[in-house]
Amino acid sequence: MKSSACWLVFLLASLAARGGPVDGGKEFVPAFDTLVASAEFESGLGFDHSPAQLDVACYSLESFLARPISLGGDWKFLPALEYSMTSLNFSHTPAGFPLTDEDLHQIGLHAIFYHKQAGSPWIYGGWGRINLASDFQQINGNDFYFDLAAGAGYMVNDRLMIGAGVAALQLGNDGYVLPGPAFYWKPSDEIAVNLIGALFNALWRPSADWVLAVRGRPAGSSWNIDSNNLSRQVDLRSYAVRLHAERRLCADLWLSLGVGYSFANQLELRTPSAHTLFKEDLSGGLSTSIGLRLRTW
């Protein structure tokens, strides 16, 4: 389950000179997977002021559309595409509860630009994304919003990188601005630790075919829904920490299984003009995931 507020993905992208932190690549910086298919589940999220409960299931597919494209002058460009379908399933809702079960869709088209000069410790770049986030009942301008970000990283040595960035999110839909740090440390060939904004990863590779990891990341998103020609915005916020076991199936194809806990959960219903109609904090719950990732660069 991905969140548009999980914004420092742009910095990972701008650092995507390819080569994994524990995959024996030639580059030190973190790498993206070329293709990822995943399913993530949050179960038993209870409302603070209601007997209602919420279960969330998110199915997503993400892919780069090309290898890095040279723009000249050490600048490169990466296009990427993602799709996700998030199901909100409510139970024990009282009379007058403002939401019903929903299947919500998000399509994002990314444009990533980054600069890495040979011999220079600096890496910097930018990221933009146009989003269509909707229940697909009726498409209008309220179903689209934009994200923009820029950041830089400095490689202190072959095993340590620090950086920072800033992002403007949900432009055209109650937009806001966030700054954030970046830190990447690879103390050995088997261990890597990074904090990219709110994204945390600690990985240990005991063998060439296994990776054990602790991952923490924001989840949820923002979607426009239409009912009786009335547009409303649904915002779901969450943070999940999971223990992952990842196994190489063949060549560059990996299977990942994760289990953990989600917290800082919140559900909000508002008008397109940002007037809040309903807002509730939710209890923590079980968080699980399964995914396939293909790394070919």
Protein backbone atom coordinates (compact mmCIF):
# COMPACT_ATOMS: atom_id res chain seq x y z
CA MET A 1 0.00 0.00 0.00
CA LYS A 2 1.68 3.11 -1.22
CA SER A 3 1.11 6.71 -0.15
CA SER A 4 1.59 9.86 -2.17
CA ALA A 5 3.00 11.22 1.08
CA CYS A 6 5.72 8.56 0.79
CA TRP A 7 7.43 11.26 -1.18
CA LEU A 8 11.15 10.69 -0.91
CA VAL A 9 10.85 7.85 -3.38
CA PHE A 10 12.01 10.62 -5.72
CA LEU A 11 15.41 10.66 -4.05
CA LEU A 12 15.88 6.93 -4.50
CA ALA A 13 14.92 7.45 -8.13
CA SER A 14 17.37 10.29 -8.60
CA LEU A 15 20.05 8.02 -7.16
CA ALA A 16 19.13 5.10 -9.39
CA ALA A 17 22.46 4.71 -11.10
CA ARG A 18 21.59 1.02 -10.80
CA GLY A 19 23.33 -1.69 -8.83
CA GLY A 20 21.95 -2.92 -5.56
CA PRO A 21 23.25 -2.26 -2.06
CA VAL A 22 23.72 -5.98 -1.41
CA ASP A 23 23.45 -7.37 -4.91
CA GLY A 24 27.08 -6.90 -5.88
CA GLY A 25 26.41 -4.07 -8.35
CA LYS A 26 29.08 -1.67 -9.50
CA GLU A 27 27.35 1.35 -7.98
CA PHE A 28 27.00 2.03 -4.26
CA VAL A 29 23.72 3.92 -4.41
CA PRO A 30 20.34 2.19 -3.92
CA ALA A 31 18.65 0.58 -6.91
CA PHE A 32 15.08 0.24 -7.99
CA ASP A 33 13.60 -3.00 -9.18
CA THR A 34 12.64 -2.96 -12.84
CA LEU A 35 9.23 -4.56 -12.21
CA VAL A 36 7.33 -5.11 -8.94
CA ALA A 37 3.99 -6.85 -8.37
CA SER A 38 2.71 -6.87 -4.79
CA ALA A 39 -0.27 -7.34 -2.51
CA GLU A 40 -0.45 -5.70 0.93
CA PHE A 41 -3.05 -6.10 3.67
CA GLU A 42 -3.95 -4.18 6.84
CA SER A 43 -6.41 -5.99 9.11
CA GLY A 44 -8.61 -5.08 12.06
CA LEU A 45 -8.21 -1.30 12.11
CA GLY A 46 -10.69 -0.07 14.73
CA PHE A 47 -12.17 3.44 14.91
CA ASP A 48 -11.69 5.57 18.04
CA HIS A 49 -15.30 6.81 18.23
CA SER A 50 -17.20 4.06 16.44
CA PRO A 51 -17.62 0.27 16.60
CA ALA A 52 -16.67 0.12 12.91
CA GLN A 53 -13.59 -1.72 11.70
CA LEU A 54 -11.64 -1.37 8.48
CA ASP A 55 -9.69 -3.96 6.48
CA VAL A 56 -7.52 -2.70 3.62
CA ALA A 57 -6.15 -4.67 0.66
CA CYS A 58 -3.89 -3.08 -1.94
CA TYR A 59 -2.74 -4.72 -5.18
CA SER A 60 -0.10 -2.87 -7.17
CA LEU A 61 2.12 -3.12 -10.24
CA GLU A 62 5.08 -0.81 -10.85
CA SER A 63 7.49 -0.77 -13.77
CA PHE A 64 10.12 1.38 -15.38
CA LEU A 65 9.31 1.98 -19.04
CA ALA A 66 12.91 2.15 -20.23
CA ARG A 67 16.49 1.98 -19.10
CA PRO A 68 18.00 5.33 -18.05
CA ILE A 69 17.94 7.63 -21.10
CA SER A 70 20.94 9.94 -21.54
CA LEU A 71 20.06 13.62 -21.99
CA GLY A 72 23.65 14.77 -22.34
CA GLY A 73 25.88 16.50 -19.82
CA ASP A 74 25.65 13.59 -17.33
CA TRP A 75 21.87 14.03 -17.04
CA LYS A 76 19.63 10.99 -17.37
CA PHE A 77 15.88 10.46 -17.56
CA LEU A 78 13.73 7.56 -16.36
CA PRO A 79 10.01 7.14 -17.13
CA ALA A 80 7.96 4.85 -14.90
CA LEU A 81 4.35 3.74 -14.56
CA GLU A 82 2.41 2.39 -11.58
CA TYR A 83 -1.10 1.10 -10.99
CA SER A 84 -2.77 0.15 -7.72
CA MET A 85 -6.22 -0.97 -6.64
CA THR A 86 -7.08 -0.45 -2.98
CA SER A 87 -10.15 -2.09 -1.40
CA LEU A 88 -11.63 -0.52 1.73
CA ASN A 89 -13.83 -3.06 3.51
CA PHE A 90 -15.84 -1.83 6.50
CA SER A 91 -17.60 -3.93 9.13
CA HIS A 92 -19.79 -3.17 12.21
CA THR A 93 -20.60 0.29 10.86
CA PRO A 94 -23.32 2.20 12.78
CA ALA A 95 -26.28 3.89 11.15
CA GLY A 96 -25.31 7.03 9.30
CA PHE A 97 -21.70 5.99 8.78
CA PRO A 98 -20.50 8.21 5.89
CA LEU A 99 -18.54 5.58 3.93
CA THR A 100 -19.27 2.23 2.32
CA ASP A 101 -16.97 -0.42 0.87
CA GLU A 102 -14.91 1.05 -1.97
CA ASP A 103 -12.56 -0.18 -4.69
CA LEU A 104 -10.21 2.72 -5.37
CA HIS A 105 -7.75 2.99 -8.26
CA GLN A 106 -4.59 5.00 -8.78
CA ILE A 107 -2.51 5.37 -11.95
CA GLY A 108 0.73 7.33 -11.73
CA LEU A 109 3.07 8.35 -14.55
CA HIS A 110 6.54 9.28 -13.27
CA ALA A 111 9.28 11.40 -14.85
CA ILE A 112 12.64 11.12 -13.07
CA PHE A 113 15.71 13.22 -13.87
CA TYR A 114 19.08 12.77 -12.20
CA HIS A 115 22.67 13.94 -12.58
CA LYS A 116 25.72 11.85 -11.67
CA GLN A 117 29.12 12.98 -12.92
CA ALA A 118 31.94 10.42 -12.95
CA GLY A 119 34.34 11.08 -10.10
CA SER A 120 32.00 13.53 -8.33
CA PRO A 121 30.58 12.68 -4.87
CA TRP A 122 27.38 14.62 -5.65
CA ILE A 123 24.18 13.15 -7.03
CA TYR A 124 21.09 15.30 -7.54
CA GLY A 125 17.86 15.20 -9.43
CA GLY A 126 14.13 15.72 -9.55
CA TRP A 127 10.92 13.77 -9.80
CA GLY A 128 7.43 14.53 -11.05
CA ARG A 129 4.26 12.47 -11.16
CA ILE A 130 0.77 12.95 -12.52
CA ASN A 131 -1.86 10.89 -10.69
CA LEU A 132 -5.31 9.68 -11.60
CA ALA A 133 -6.86 8.57 -8.29
CA SER A 134 -10.52 7.63 -8.46
CA ASP A 135 -13.32 5.14 -7.92
CA PHE A 136 -13.78 5.39 -11.73
CA GLN A 137 -17.49 6.21 -11.29
CA GLN A 138 -17.07 9.59 -12.94
CA ILE A 139 -13.79 11.12 -14.09
CA ASN A 140 -13.31 14.88 -13.72
CA GLY A 141 -10.64 17.34 -12.67
CA ASN A 142 -10.96 16.35 -9.01
CA ASP A 143 -9.54 12.91 -9.86
CA PHE A 144 -6.13 14.31 -10.91
CA TYR A 145 -3.29 15.78 -8.91
CA PHE A 146 0.48 16.30 -9.28
CA ASP A 147 3.58 15.64 -7.19
CA LEU A 148 6.97 17.37 -7.64
CA ALA A 149 10.24 16.95 -5.76
CA ALA A 150 13.96 17.71 -5.91
CA GLY A 151 16.91 16.59 -3.83
CA ALA A 152 20.63 15.90 -3.60
CA GLY A 153 22.91 13.30 -2.09
CA TYR A 154 26.60 13.40 -1.15
CA MET A 155 28.70 10.24 -1.06
CA VAL A 156 30.99 10.72 1.94
CA ASN A 157 32.86 7.54 1.02
CA ASP A 158 32.23 4.26 -0.76
CA ARG A 159 29.87 3.09 2.00
CA LEU A 160 28.10 6.20 3.26
CA MET A 161 25.76 8.70 1.61
CA ILE A 162 23.85 11.61 3.14
CA GLY A 163 21.32 13.89 1.49
CA ALA A 164 18.11 15.88 1.70
CA GLY A 165 15.21 17.00 -0.44
CA VAL A 166 11.89 18.79 -0.59
CA ALA A 167 8.60 17.84 -2.23
CA ALA A 168 5.32 19.51 -3.13
CA LEU A 169 2.54 16.92 -3.03
CA GLN A 170 -1.09 16.68 -4.16
CA LEU A 171 -0.88 19.90 -6.13
CA GLY A 172 -4.33 20.72 -7.42
CA ASN A 173 -5.84 18.79 -4.51
CA ASP A 174 -5.15 20.43 -1.13
CA GLY A 175 -1.40 20.44 -1.82
CA TYR A 176 1.35 20.68 0.81
CA VAL A 177 5.16 20.85 1.05
CA LEU A 178 7.49 18.51 2.97
CA PRO A 179 11.27 18.48 3.51
CA GLY A 180 13.14 15.34 4.48
CA PRO A 181 16.56 13.71 5.07
CA ALA A 182 18.34 10.87 3.31
CA PHE A 183 20.91 8.50 4.80
CA TYR A 184 22.46 5.37 3.34
CA TRP A 185 25.10 3.20 5.04
CA LYS A 186 26.60 -0.04 3.82
CA PRO A 187 28.95 -1.27 6.56
CA SER A 188 29.65 -4.53 4.74
CA ASP A 189 28.73 -6.35 1.56
CA GLU A 190 26.01 -8.26 3.46
CA ILE A 191 24.43 -5.39 5.43
CA ALA A 192 22.80 -2.12 4.34
CA VAL A 193 20.80 0.47 6.31
CA ASN A 194 18.98 3.46 4.86
CA LEU A 195 16.53 6.14 5.89
CA ILE A 196 14.98 8.04 2.97
CA GLY A 197 12.47 10.50 4.41
CA ALA A 198 9.96 8.22 6.13
CA LEU A 199 11.24 5.10 4.34
CA PHE A 200 13.43 2.87 6.52
CA ASN A 201 15.24 -0.30 5.41
CA ALA A 202 17.71 -2.50 7.27
CA LEU A 203 18.87 -5.50 5.20
CA TRP A 204 21.02 -8.54 5.86
CA ARG A 205 21.99 -10.95 3.13
CA PRO A 206 23.12 -14.25 4.70
CA SER A 207 23.60 -15.86 1.28
CA ALA A 208 23.37 -15.08 -2.42
CA ASP A 209 19.74 -16.26 -2.53
CA TRP A 210 18.29 -14.89 0.73
CA VAL A 211 17.67 -11.42 2.16
CA LEU A 212 16.17 -10.64 5.58
CA ALA A 213 14.96 -7.08 6.08
CA VAL A 214 13.11 -4.77 8.44
CA ARG A 215 11.19 -2.19 6.43
CA GLY A 216 9.12 0.78 7.58
CA ARG A 217 7.12 2.99 5.25
CA PRO A 218 4.01 5.17 4.97
CA ALA A 219 0.96 3.65 3.35
CA GLY A 220 -2.39 4.79 2.00
CA SER A 221 -3.21 7.48 -0.52
CA SER A 222 -5.85 10.04 -1.55
CA TRP A 223 -8.70 9.30 -3.99
CA ASN A 224 -11.72 11.11 -5.38
CA ILE A 225 -15.05 9.28 -5.16
CA ASP A 226 -18.38 10.20 -6.75
CA SER A 227 -21.84 9.40 -5.42
CA ASN A 228 -25.03 10.94 -6.77
CA ASN A 229 -22.94 13.49 -8.73
CA LEU A 230 -21.23 14.56 -5.48
CA SER A 231 -17.41 14.53 -5.42
CA ARG A 232 -15.61 13.76 -2.17
CA GLN A 233 -12.00 13.04 -1.29
CA VAL A 234 -10.96 9.98 0.74
CA ASP A 235 -7.57 10.20 2.48
CA LEU A 236 -6.09 7.11 4.15
CA ARG A 237 -2.88 7.48 6.15
CA SER A 238 -0.89 4.70 7.81
CA TYR A 239 2.63 3.56 8.68
CA ALA A 240 3.68 -0.09 8.48
CA VAL A 241 6.76 -1.80 9.92
CA ARG A 242 7.34 -5.35 8.66
CA LEU A 243 9.91 -8.11 8.85
CA HIS A 244 10.55 -9.40 5.32
CA ALA A 245 12.05 -12.65 4.11
CA GLU A 246 13.09 -12.53 0.45
CA ARG A 247 14.14 -15.49 -1.67
CA ARG A 248 15.69 -15.53 -5.13
CA LEU A 249 13.52 -17.78 -7.32
CA CYS A 250 15.70 -17.66 -10.41
CA ALA A 251 18.14 -15.24 -12.00
CA ASP A 252 16.88 -11.73 -11.02
CA LEU A 253 13.38 -12.75 -9.86
CA TRP A 254 12.73 -12.53 -6.10
CA LEU A 255 9.79 -13.49 -3.88
CA SER A 256 9.17 -11.38 -0.76
CA LEU A 257 6.94 -12.18 2.25
CA GLY A 258 6.38 -9.63 5.02
CA VAL A 259 4.56 -9.52 8.35
CA GLY A 260 4.35 -6.71 10.88
CA TYR A 261 2.20 -3.98 12.37
CA SER A 262 0.57 -0.79 11.08
CA PHE A 263 0.03 2.29 13.25
CA ALA A 264 -0.59 6.05 13.01
CA ASN A 265 -3.69 5.13 10.99
CA GLN A 266 -6.18 7.82 9.99
CA LEU A 267 -9.16 8.02 7.63
CA GLU A 268 -10.57 11.34 6.41
CA LEU A 269 -13.47 12.26 4.14
CA ARG A 270 -13.51 15.82 2.79
CA THR A 271 -14.82 17.97 -0.01
CA PRO A 272 -12.57 18.88 -2.98
CA SER A 273 -12.25 22.33 -1.38
CA ALA A 274 -10.65 20.67 1.70
CA HIS A 275 -13.64 20.98 4.05
CA THR A 276 -13.51 17.99 6.43
CA LEU A 277 -16.71 15.93 6.59
CA PHE A 278 -15.40 13.01 8.66
CA LYS A 279 -12.05 12.29 10.30
CA GLU A 280 -11.11 9.42 12.59
CA ASP A 281 -7.96 7.91 14.03
CA LEU A 282 -7.80 4.13 13.79
CA SER A 283 -6.14 1.55 15.99
CA GLY A 284 -3.12 -0.41 14.84
CA GLY A 285 -3.46 -3.74 13.12
CA LEU A 286 -1.74 -6.69 11.48
CA SER A 287 0.16 -5.77 8.31
CA THR A 288 1.19 -8.43 5.77
CA SER A 289 2.55 -8.42 2.23
CA ILE A 290 3.59 -10.69 -0.62
CA GLY A 291 5.39 -9.60 -3.75
CA LEU A 292 7.49 -10.49 -6.75
CA ARG A 293 10.28 -8.19 -7.91
CA LEU A 294 12.44 -8.34 -10.99
CA ARG A 295 15.83 -6.66 -10.94
CA THR A 296 17.57 -6.67 -14.31
CA TRP A 297 19.75 -3.54 -14.35
